PDB file of all heavy atoms in Angstrom:
ATOM      1  N   TYR A   1       0.590  17.447  34.780  1.00  0.00           N
ATOM      2  CA  TYR A   1      -0.437  16.962  33.855  1.00  0.00           C
ATOM      3  C   TYR A   1      -0.087  17.280  32.402  1.00  0.00           C
ATOM      4  O   TYR A   1      -0.525  16.588  31.488  1.00  0.00           O
ATOM      5  CB  TYR A   1      -1.803  17.559  34.200  1.00  0.00           C
ATOM      6  CG  TYR A   1      -2.339  17.091  35.533  1.00  0.00           C
ATOM      7  CD1 TYR A   1      -2.413  17.942  36.617  1.00  0.00           C
ATOM      8  CD2 TYR A   1      -2.778  15.784  35.695  1.00  0.00           C
ATOM      9  CE1 TYR A   1      -2.910  17.513  37.841  1.00  0.00           C
ATOM     10  CE2 TYR A   1      -3.278  15.343  36.908  1.00  0.00           C
ATOM     11  CZ  TYR A   1      -3.339  16.212  37.971  1.00  0.00           C
ATOM     12  OH  TYR A   1      -3.832  15.776  39.179  1.00  0.00           O
ATOM     13  N   ILE A   2       0.697  18.326  32.199  1.00  0.00           N
ATOM     14  CA  ILE A   2       1.149  18.678  30.848  1.00  0.00           C
ATOM     15  C   ILE A   2       2.421  17.902  30.497  1.00  0.00           C
ATOM     16  O   ILE A   2       2.582  17.429  29.377  1.00  0.00           O
ATOM     17  CB  ILE A   2       1.417  20.191  30.737  1.00  0.00           C
ATOM     18  CG1 ILE A   2       0.127  20.980  30.974  1.00  0.00           C
ATOM     19  CG2 ILE A   2       2.011  20.542  29.373  1.00  0.00           C
ATOM     20  CD1 ILE A   2       0.336  22.470  31.145  1.00  0.00           C
ATOM     21  N   GLU A   3       3.321  17.770  31.480  1.00  0.00           N
ATOM     22  CA  GLU A   3       4.632  17.151  31.257  1.00  0.00           C
ATOM     23  C   GLU A   3       4.576  15.628  31.142  1.00  0.00           C
ATOM     24  O   GLU A   3       5.534  15.016  30.667  1.00  0.00           O
ATOM     25  CB  GLU A   3       5.568  17.503  32.415  1.00  0.00           C
ATOM     26  CG  GLU A   3       5.889  18.967  32.518  1.00  0.00           C
ATOM     27  CD  GLU A   3       6.614  19.322  33.808  1.00  0.00           C
ATOM     28  OE1 GLU A   3       6.784  18.446  34.688  1.00  0.00           O
ATOM     29  OE2 GLU A   3       7.002  20.502  33.941  1.00  0.00           O
ATOM     30  N   ALA A   4       3.496  15.023  31.584  1.00  0.00           N
ATOM     31  CA  ALA A   4       3.397  13.560  31.582  1.00  0.00           C
ATOM     32  C   ALA A   4       3.676  12.995  30.192  1.00  0.00           C
ATOM     33  O   ALA A   4       3.215  13.534  29.183  1.00  0.00           O
ATOM     34  CB  ALA A   4       2.014  13.128  32.056  1.00  0.00           C
ATOM     35  N   GLY A   5       4.412  11.904  30.179  1.00  0.00           N
ATOM     36  CA  GLY A   5       4.649  11.194  28.924  1.00  0.00           C
ATOM     37  C   GLY A   5       3.442  10.326  28.581  1.00  0.00           C
ATOM     38  O   GLY A   5       2.352  10.493  29.140  1.00  0.00           O
ATOM     39  N   THR A   6       3.645   9.411  27.680  1.00  0.00           N
ATOM     40  CA  THR A   6       2.558   8.528  27.252  1.00  0.00           C
ATOM     41  C   THR A   6       2.855   7.101  27.710  1.00  0.00           C
ATOM     42  O   THR A   6       3.995   6.733  27.925  1.00  0.00           O
ATOM     43  CB  THR A   6       2.407   8.553  25.723  1.00  0.00           C
ATOM     44  OG1 THR A   6       3.623   8.079  25.136  1.00  0.00           O
ATOM     45  CG2 THR A   6       2.104   9.961  25.230  1.00  0.00           C
ATOM     46  N   LEU A   7       1.799   6.324  27.846  1.00  0.00           N
ATOM     47  CA  LEU A   7       1.956   4.942  28.287  1.00  0.00           C
ATOM     48  C   LEU A   7       1.772   3.926  27.162  1.00  0.00           C
ATOM     49  O   LEU A   7       1.875   2.726  27.396  1.00  0.00           O
ATOM     50  CB  LEU A   7       0.969   4.641  29.422  1.00  0.00           C
ATOM     51  CG  LEU A   7       1.365   5.286  30.751  1.00  0.00           C
ATOM     52  CD1 LEU A   7       0.230   5.194  31.755  1.00  0.00           C
ATOM     53  CD2 LEU A   7       2.615   4.620  31.306  1.00  0.00           C
ATOM     54  N   LEU A   8       1.472   4.399  25.966  1.00  0.00           N
ATOM     55  CA  LEU A   8       1.368   3.513  24.819  1.00  0.00           C
ATOM     56  C   LEU A   8       1.617   4.311  23.551  1.00  0.00           C
ATOM     57  O   LEU A   8       1.781   5.525  23.602  1.00  0.00           O
ATOM     58  CB  LEU A   8       0.018   2.791  24.786  1.00  0.00           C
ATOM     59  CG  LEU A   8      -1.250   3.615  24.676  1.00  0.00           C
ATOM     60  CD1 LEU A   8      -2.328   2.762  24.036  1.00  0.00           C
ATOM     61  CD2 LEU A   8      -1.745   4.016  26.058  1.00  0.00           C
ATOM     62  N   ASN A   9       1.638   3.648  22.432  1.00  0.00           N
ATOM     63  CA  ASN A   9       1.885   4.296  21.155  1.00  0.00           C
ATOM     64  C   ASN A   9       0.669   5.147  20.788  1.00  0.00           C
ATOM     65  O   ASN A   9      -0.375   4.622  20.407  1.00  0.00           O
ATOM     66  CB  ASN A   9       2.152   3.219  20.097  1.00  0.00           C
ATOM     67  CG  ASN A   9       2.449   3.784  18.745  1.00  0.00           C
ATOM     68  OD1 ASN A   9       1.815   4.723  18.279  1.00  0.00           O
ATOM     69  ND2 ASN A   9       3.424   3.189  18.078  1.00  0.00           N
ATOM     70  N   MET A  10       0.810   6.455  20.906  1.00  0.00           N
ATOM     71  CA  MET A  10      -0.311   7.369  20.672  1.00  0.00           C
ATOM     72  C   MET A  10      -0.736   7.410  19.209  1.00  0.00           C
ATOM     73  O   MET A  10      -1.913   7.585  18.914  1.00  0.00           O
ATOM     74  CB  MET A  10       0.047   8.776  21.147  1.00  0.00           C
ATOM     75  CG  MET A  10       0.141   8.905  22.645  1.00  0.00           C
ATOM     76  SD  MET A  10      -1.474   8.771  23.454  1.00  0.00           S
ATOM     77  CE  MET A  10      -1.158   7.424  24.547  1.00  0.00           C
ATOM     78  N   GLY A  11       0.208   7.244  18.294  1.00  0.00           N
ATOM     79  CA  GLY A  11      -0.162   7.206  16.879  1.00  0.00           C
ATOM     80  C   GLY A  11      -1.071   6.033  16.583  1.00  0.00           C
ATOM     81  O   GLY A  11      -2.086   6.178  15.894  1.00  0.00           O
ATOM     82  N   ARG A  12      -0.708   4.881  17.096  1.00  0.00           N
ATOM     83  CA  ARG A  12      -1.544   3.690  16.896  1.00  0.00           C
ATOM     84  C   ARG A  12      -2.901   3.863  17.575  1.00  0.00           C
ATOM     85  O   ARG A  12      -3.936   3.521  17.009  1.00  0.00           O
ATOM     86  CB  ARG A  12      -0.828   2.452  17.424  1.00  0.00           C
ATOM     87  CG  ARG A  12      -1.617   1.184  17.166  1.00  0.00           C
ATOM     88  CD  ARG A  12      -0.795  -0.062  17.402  1.00  0.00           C
ATOM     89  NE  ARG A  12      -1.642  -1.233  17.228  1.00  0.00           N
ATOM     90  CZ  ARG A  12      -1.514  -2.346  17.910  1.00  0.00           C
ATOM     91  NH1 ARG A  12      -0.547  -2.478  18.801  1.00  0.00           N
ATOM     92  NH2 ARG A  12      -2.322  -3.355  17.705  1.00  0.00           N
ATOM     93  N   LEU A  13      -2.889   4.401  18.796  1.00  0.00           N
ATOM     94  CA  LEU A  13      -4.154   4.622  19.508  1.00  0.00           C
ATOM     95  C   LEU A  13      -5.047   5.575  18.718  1.00  0.00           C
ATOM     96  O   LEU A  13      -6.237   5.307  18.536  1.00  0.00           O
ATOM     97  CB  LEU A  13      -3.890   5.186  20.907  1.00  0.00           C
ATOM     98  CG  LEU A  13      -5.137   5.527  21.732  1.00  0.00           C
ATOM     99  CD1 LEU A  13      -6.021   4.299  21.953  1.00  0.00           C
ATOM    100  CD2 LEU A  13      -4.735   6.161  23.058  1.00  0.00           C
ATOM    101  N   ALA A  14      -4.498   6.653  18.223  1.00  0.00           N
ATOM    102  CA  ALA A  14      -5.285   7.625  17.458  1.00  0.00           C
ATOM    103  C   ALA A  14      -5.876   6.987  16.208  1.00  0.00           C
ATOM    104  O   ALA A  14      -7.063   7.196  15.887  1.00  0.00           O
ATOM    105  CB  ALA A  14      -4.420   8.831  17.094  1.00  0.00           C
ATOM    106  N   ARG A  15      -5.086   6.197  15.495  1.00  0.00           N
ATOM    107  CA  ARG A  15      -5.596   5.534  14.289  1.00  0.00           C
ATOM    108  C   ARG A  15      -6.753   4.598  14.633  1.00  0.00           C
ATOM    109  O   ARG A  15      -7.783   4.569  13.937  1.00  0.00           O
ATOM    110  CB  ARG A  15      -4.488   4.778  13.564  1.00  0.00           C
ATOM    111  CG  ARG A  15      -3.516   5.682  12.819  1.00  0.00           C
ATOM    112  CD  ARG A  15      -2.536   4.917  11.949  1.00  0.00           C
ATOM    113  NE  ARG A  15      -1.642   4.036  12.680  1.00  0.00           N
ATOM    114  CZ  ARG A  15      -0.539   4.419  13.323  1.00  0.00           C
ATOM    115  NH1 ARG A  15      -0.179   5.694  13.316  1.00  0.00           N
ATOM    116  NH2 ARG A  15       0.218   3.540  13.952  1.00  0.00           N
ATOM    117  N   LEU A  16      -6.598   3.823  15.715  1.00  0.00           N
ATOM    118  CA  LEU A  16      -7.666   2.909  16.137  1.00  0.00           C
ATOM    119  C   LEU A  16      -8.926   3.679  16.520  1.00  0.00           C
ATOM    120  O   LEU A  16     -10.043   3.313  16.119  1.00  0.00           O
ATOM    121  CB  LEU A  16      -7.203   2.045  17.309  1.00  0.00           C
ATOM    122  CG  LEU A  16      -6.259   0.905  16.992  1.00  0.00           C
ATOM    123  CD1 LEU A  16      -5.628   0.349  18.269  1.00  0.00           C
ATOM    124  CD2 LEU A  16      -6.992  -0.204  16.244  1.00  0.00           C
ATOM    125  N   LEU A  17      -8.764   4.752  17.274  1.00  0.00           N
ATOM    126  CA  LEU A  17      -9.932   5.530  17.706  1.00  0.00           C
ATOM    127  C   LEU A  17     -10.639   6.183  16.531  1.00  0.00           C
ATOM    128  O   LEU A  17     -11.876   6.170  16.446  1.00  0.00           O
ATOM    129  CB  LEU A  17      -9.522   6.575  18.741  1.00  0.00           C
ATOM    130  CG  LEU A  17      -9.045   6.025  20.080  1.00  0.00           C
ATOM    131  CD1 LEU A  17      -8.595   7.155  20.998  1.00  0.00           C
ATOM    132  CD2 LEU A  17     -10.123   5.181  20.747  1.00  0.00           C
ATOM    133  N   ASN A  18      -9.884   6.725  15.605  1.00  0.00           N
ATOM    134  CA  ASN A  18     -10.497   7.342  14.424  1.00  0.00           C
ATOM    135  C   ASN A  18     -11.243   6.308  13.585  1.00  0.00           C
ATOM    136  O   ASN A  18     -12.342   6.578  13.084  1.00  0.00           O
ATOM    137  CB  ASN A  18      -9.442   8.085  13.598  1.00  0.00           C
ATOM    138  CG  ASN A  18      -8.996   9.363  14.281  1.00  0.00           C
ATOM    139  OD1 ASN A  18      -9.791  10.080  14.879  1.00  0.00           O
ATOM    140  ND2 ASN A  18      -7.710   9.650  14.216  1.00  0.00           N
ATOM    141  N   GLN A  19     -10.676   5.109  13.440  1.00  0.00           N
ATOM    142  CA  GLN A  19     -11.355   4.047  12.699  1.00  0.00           C
ATOM    143  C   GLN A  19     -12.618   3.591  13.436  1.00  0.00           C
ATOM    144  O   GLN A  19     -13.662   3.404  12.819  1.00  0.00           O
ATOM    145  CB  GLN A  19     -10.427   2.860  12.477  1.00  0.00           C
ATOM    146  CG  GLN A  19     -11.054   1.750  11.634  1.00  0.00           C
ATOM    147  CD  GLN A  19     -11.473   2.233  10.261  1.00  0.00           C
ATOM    148  OE1 GLN A  19     -10.670   2.787   9.516  1.00  0.00           O
ATOM    149  NE2 GLN A  19     -12.744   2.049   9.898  1.00  0.00           N
ATOM    150  N   LEU A  20     -12.526   3.431  14.736  1.00  0.00           N
ATOM    151  CA  LEU A  20     -13.698   3.002  15.502  1.00  0.00           C
ATOM    152  C   LEU A  20     -14.813   4.052  15.446  1.00  0.00           C
ATOM    153  O   LEU A  20     -15.993   3.694  15.362  1.00  0.00           O
ATOM    154  CB  LEU A  20     -13.308   2.689  16.947  1.00  0.00           C
ATOM    155  CG  LEU A  20     -12.490   1.401  17.107  1.00  0.00           C
ATOM    156  CD1 LEU A  20     -11.853   1.328  18.493  1.00  0.00           C
ATOM    157  CD2 LEU A  20     -13.351   0.167  16.841  1.00  0.00           C
ATOM    158  N   GLN A  21     -14.464   5.309  15.444  1.00  0.00           N
ATOM    159  CA  GLN A  21     -15.486   6.346  15.289  1.00  0.00           C
ATOM    160  C   GLN A  21     -16.164   6.236  13.924  1.00  0.00           C
ATOM    161  O   GLN A  21     -17.387   6.366  13.834  1.00  0.00           O
ATOM    162  CB  GLN A  21     -14.888   7.744  15.461  1.00  0.00           C
ATOM    163  CG  GLN A  21     -14.767   8.163  16.904  1.00  0.00           C
ATOM    164  CD  GLN A  21     -14.235   9.571  17.039  1.00  0.00           C
ATOM    165  OE1 GLN A  21     -13.207   9.915  16.449  1.00  0.00           O
ATOM    166  NE2 GLN A  21     -14.910  10.374  17.828  1.00  0.00           N
ATOM    167  N   LYS A  22     -15.395   5.990  12.883  1.00  0.00           N
ATOM    168  CA  LYS A  22     -15.983   5.798  11.547  1.00  0.00           C
ATOM    169  C   LYS A  22     -16.919   4.605  11.533  1.00  0.00           C
ATOM    170  O   LYS A  22     -17.894   4.571  10.786  1.00  0.00           O
ATOM    171  CB  LYS A  22     -14.877   5.607  10.501  1.00  0.00           C
ATOM    172  CG  LYS A  22     -14.133   6.866  10.170  1.00  0.00           C
ATOM    173  CD  LYS A  22     -13.025   6.598   9.170  1.00  0.00           C
ATOM    174  CE  LYS A  22     -12.171   7.826   8.977  1.00  0.00           C
ATOM    175  NZ  LYS A  22     -11.003   7.568   8.136  1.00  0.00           N
ATOM    176  N   ASP A  23     -16.624   3.614  12.387  1.00  0.00           N
ATOM    177  CA  ASP A  23     -17.452   2.411  12.476  1.00  0.00           C
ATOM    178  C   ASP A  23     -18.667   2.598  13.393  1.00  0.00           C
ATOM    179  O   ASP A  23     -19.415   1.647  13.613  1.00  0.00           O
ATOM    180  CB  ASP A  23     -16.617   1.223  12.977  1.00  0.00           C
ATOM    181  CG  ASP A  23     -15.542   0.806  11.983  1.00  0.00           C
ATOM    182  OD1 ASP A  23     -15.619   1.192  10.791  1.00  0.00           O
ATOM    183  OD2 ASP A  23     -14.604   0.093  12.400  1.00  0.00           O
ATOM    184  N   GLY A  24     -18.826   3.794  13.970  1.00  0.00           N
ATOM    185  CA  GLY A  24     -20.011   4.077  14.767  1.00  0.00           C
ATOM    186  C   GLY A  24     -19.810   4.168  16.273  1.00  0.00           C
ATOM    187  O   GLY A  24     -20.764   4.443  17.001  1.00  0.00           O
ATOM    188  N   TYR A  25     -18.606   3.925  16.759  1.00  0.00           N
ATOM    189  CA  TYR A  25     -18.340   4.063  18.186  1.00  0.00           C
ATOM    190  C   TYR A  25     -18.216   5.540  18.550  1.00  0.00           C
ATOM    191  O   TYR A  25     -17.781   6.353  17.725  1.00  0.00           O
ATOM    192  CB  TYR A  25     -17.030   3.366  18.572  1.00  0.00           C
ATOM    193  CG  TYR A  25     -17.108   1.865  18.580  1.00  0.00           C
ATOM    194  CD1 TYR A  25     -16.933   1.131  17.407  1.00  0.00           C
ATOM    195  CD2 TYR A  25     -17.351   1.173  19.764  1.00  0.00           C
ATOM    196  CE1 TYR A  25     -16.996  -0.254  17.418  1.00  0.00           C
ATOM    197  CE2 TYR A  25     -17.413  -0.209  19.791  1.00  0.00           C
ATOM    198  CZ  TYR A  25     -17.240  -0.915  18.610  1.00  0.00           C
ATOM    199  OH  TYR A  25     -17.307  -2.288  18.619  1.00  0.00           O
ATOM    200  N   THR A  26     -18.575   5.879  19.770  1.00  0.00           N
ATOM    201  CA  THR A  26     -18.264   7.196  20.306  1.00  0.00           C
ATOM    202  C   THR A  26     -17.144   7.009  21.326  1.00  0.00           C
ATOM    203  O   THR A  26     -17.017   5.939  21.925  1.00  0.00           O
ATOM    204  CB  THR A  26     -19.485   7.872  20.960  1.00  0.00           C
ATOM    205  OG1 THR A  26     -20.001   7.026  21.987  1.00  0.00           O
ATOM    206  CG2 THR A  26     -20.588   8.134  19.944  1.00  0.00           C
TER     207      THR A  26
END
């Protein structure tokens, strides 16, 4: 569970999630 890699671009995902939170999403 710690060693697992990622299945998508985490930087892009983080930016999208942070923007969506600013827009009111949880």
